[in-house]
Amino acid sequence: MDNEQMEIVITKREVYGTERFYPECYKAQVFARLAHRRTFSRRELLMIRQLGYRITVMQEEVAI
């Protein structure tokens, strides 16, 4: 598999002072469904990385 196939895209958000990682691409959504979760923990992201996936965190746009 090439690198593009081994990548997931997520967004990091703070919710009431807690880090939340939301799936943004189809593959990330599949991983979330497998875990029966809407968001990922750091531990779950570590496991996904151990499977050989690269994790890309999207930057949130700030309106000025």
C-alpha atoms as a PDB file:
ATOM      1  CA  MET A   1       0.000   0.000   0.000  1.00  0.00           C
ATOM      2  CA  ASP A   2       1.208   3.499  -0.731  1.00  0.00           C
ATOM      3  CA  ASN A   3       1.284   6.306   1.857  1.00  0.00           C
ATOM      4  CA  GLU A   4      -1.976   7.893   0.702  1.00  0.00           C
ATOM      5  CA  GLN A   5      -3.825   4.666   1.415  1.00  0.00           C
ATOM      6  CA  MET A   6      -2.228   4.430   4.871  1.00  0.00           C
ATOM      7  CA  GLU A   7      -3.361   7.829   6.143  1.00  0.00           C
ATOM      8  CA  ILE A   8      -6.300   9.048   8.199  1.00  0.00           C
ATOM      9  CA  VAL A   9      -7.337  12.651   8.751  1.00  0.00           C
ATOM     10  CA  ILE A  10      -8.678  13.892  12.089  1.00  0.00           C
ATOM     11  CA  THR A  11      -9.532  17.214  13.753  1.00  0.00           C
ATOM     12  CA  LYS A  12      -8.521  18.084  17.315  1.00  0.00           C
ATOM     13  CA  ARG A  13     -10.984  20.140  19.374  1.00  0.00           C
ATOM     14  CA  GLU A  14     -11.199  21.158  23.023  1.00  0.00           C
ATOM     15  CA  VAL A  15     -14.583  20.326  24.579  1.00  0.00           C
ATOM     16  CA  TYR A  16     -14.996  21.564  28.154  1.00  0.00           C
ATOM     17  CA  GLY A  17     -11.222  21.398  28.618  1.00  0.00           C
ATOM     18  CA  THR A  18     -10.923  17.857  27.235  1.00  0.00           C
ATOM     19  CA  GLU A  19      -9.091  17.003  24.001  1.00  0.00           C
ATOM     20  CA  ARG A  20     -11.303  15.308  21.445  1.00  0.00           C
ATOM     21  CA  PHE A  21     -10.111  13.872  18.128  1.00  0.00           C
ATOM     22  CA  TYR A  22     -12.822  13.707  15.458  1.00  0.00           C
ATOM     23  CA  PRO A  23     -12.601  11.568  12.311  1.00  0.00           C
ATOM     24  CA  GLU A  24     -12.626  13.644   9.109  1.00  0.00           C
ATOM     25  CA  CYS A  25     -12.012  11.121   6.321  1.00  0.00           C
ATOM     26  CA  TYR A  26     -13.788   7.895   5.417  1.00  0.00           C
ATOM     27  CA  LYS A  27     -11.059   5.622   6.815  1.00  0.00           C
ATOM     28  CA  ALA A  28     -11.013   7.476  10.129  1.00  0.00           C
ATOM     29  CA  GLN A  29     -14.796   7.156  10.303  1.00  0.00           C
ATOM     30  CA  VAL A  30     -14.492   3.396   9.752  1.00  0.00           C
ATOM     31  CA  PHE A  31     -11.973   3.110  12.605  1.00  0.00           C
ATOM     32  CA  ALA A  32     -14.352   5.096  14.853  1.00  0.00           C
ATOM     33  CA  ARG A  33     -17.249   2.786  13.961  1.00  0.00           C
ATOM     34  CA  LEU A  34     -15.107  -0.278  14.710  1.00  0.00           C
ATOM     35  CA  ALA A  35     -14.357   1.172  18.150  1.00  0.00           C
ATOM     36  CA  HIS A  36     -18.040   2.119  18.650  1.00  0.00           C
ATOM     37  CA  ARG A  37     -16.930   5.710  19.289  1.00  0.00           C
ATOM     38  CA  ARG A  38     -17.556   9.162  17.829  1.00  0.00           C
ATOM     39  CA  THR A  39     -14.110  10.443  18.818  1.00  0.00           C
ATOM     40  CA  PHE A  40     -10.647   8.929  19.328  1.00  0.00           C
ATOM     41  CA  SER A  41      -8.546   8.882  22.456  1.00  0.00           C
ATOM     42  CA  ARG A  42      -4.767   9.337  22.256  1.00  0.00           C
ATOM     43  CA  ARG A  43      -4.423   5.614  23.037  1.00  0.00           C
ATOM     44  CA  GLU A  44      -6.649   4.644  20.104  1.00  0.00           C
ATOM     45  CA  LEU A  45      -4.677   6.921  17.786  1.00  0.00           C
ATOM     46  CA  LEU A  46      -1.460   5.252  18.983  1.00  0.00           C
ATOM     47  CA  MET A  47      -2.909   1.836  18.086  1.00  0.00           C
ATOM     48  CA  ILE A  48      -3.921   3.080  14.630  1.00  0.00           C
ATOM     49  CA  ARG A  49      -0.380   4.414  14.152  1.00  0.00           C
ATOM     50  CA  GLN A  50       1.017   1.010  15.206  1.00  0.00           C
ATOM     51  CA  LEU A  51      -0.965  -0.509  12.317  1.00  0.00           C
ATOM     52  CA  GLY A  52       1.140   1.626   9.980  1.00  0.00           C
ATOM     53  CA  TYR A  53      -1.246   4.503   9.379  1.00  0.00           C
ATOM     54  CA  ARG A  54      -0.066   8.106   9.251  1.00  0.00           C
ATOM     55  CA  ILE A  55      -2.349  10.433  11.205  1.00  0.00           C
ATOM     56  CA  THR A  56      -2.855  13.929   9.822  1.00  0.00           C
ATOM     57  CA  VAL A  57      -4.464  16.543  12.077  1.00  0.00           C
ATOM     58  CA  MET A  58      -6.405  19.198  10.154  1.00  0.00           C
ATOM     59  CA  GLN A  59      -5.946  22.787  11.299  1.00  0.00           C
ATOM     60  CA  GLU A  60      -9.099  24.610  12.310  1.00  0.00           C
ATOM     61  CA  GLU A  61      -9.653  27.919  10.580  1.00  0.00           C
ATOM     62  CA  VAL A  62      -9.973  30.959  12.810  1.00  0.00           C
ATOM     63  CA  ALA A  63     -12.268  33.737  11.640  1.00  0.00           C
ATOM     64  CA  ILE A  64     -10.776  37.173  12.137  1.00  0.00           C
END
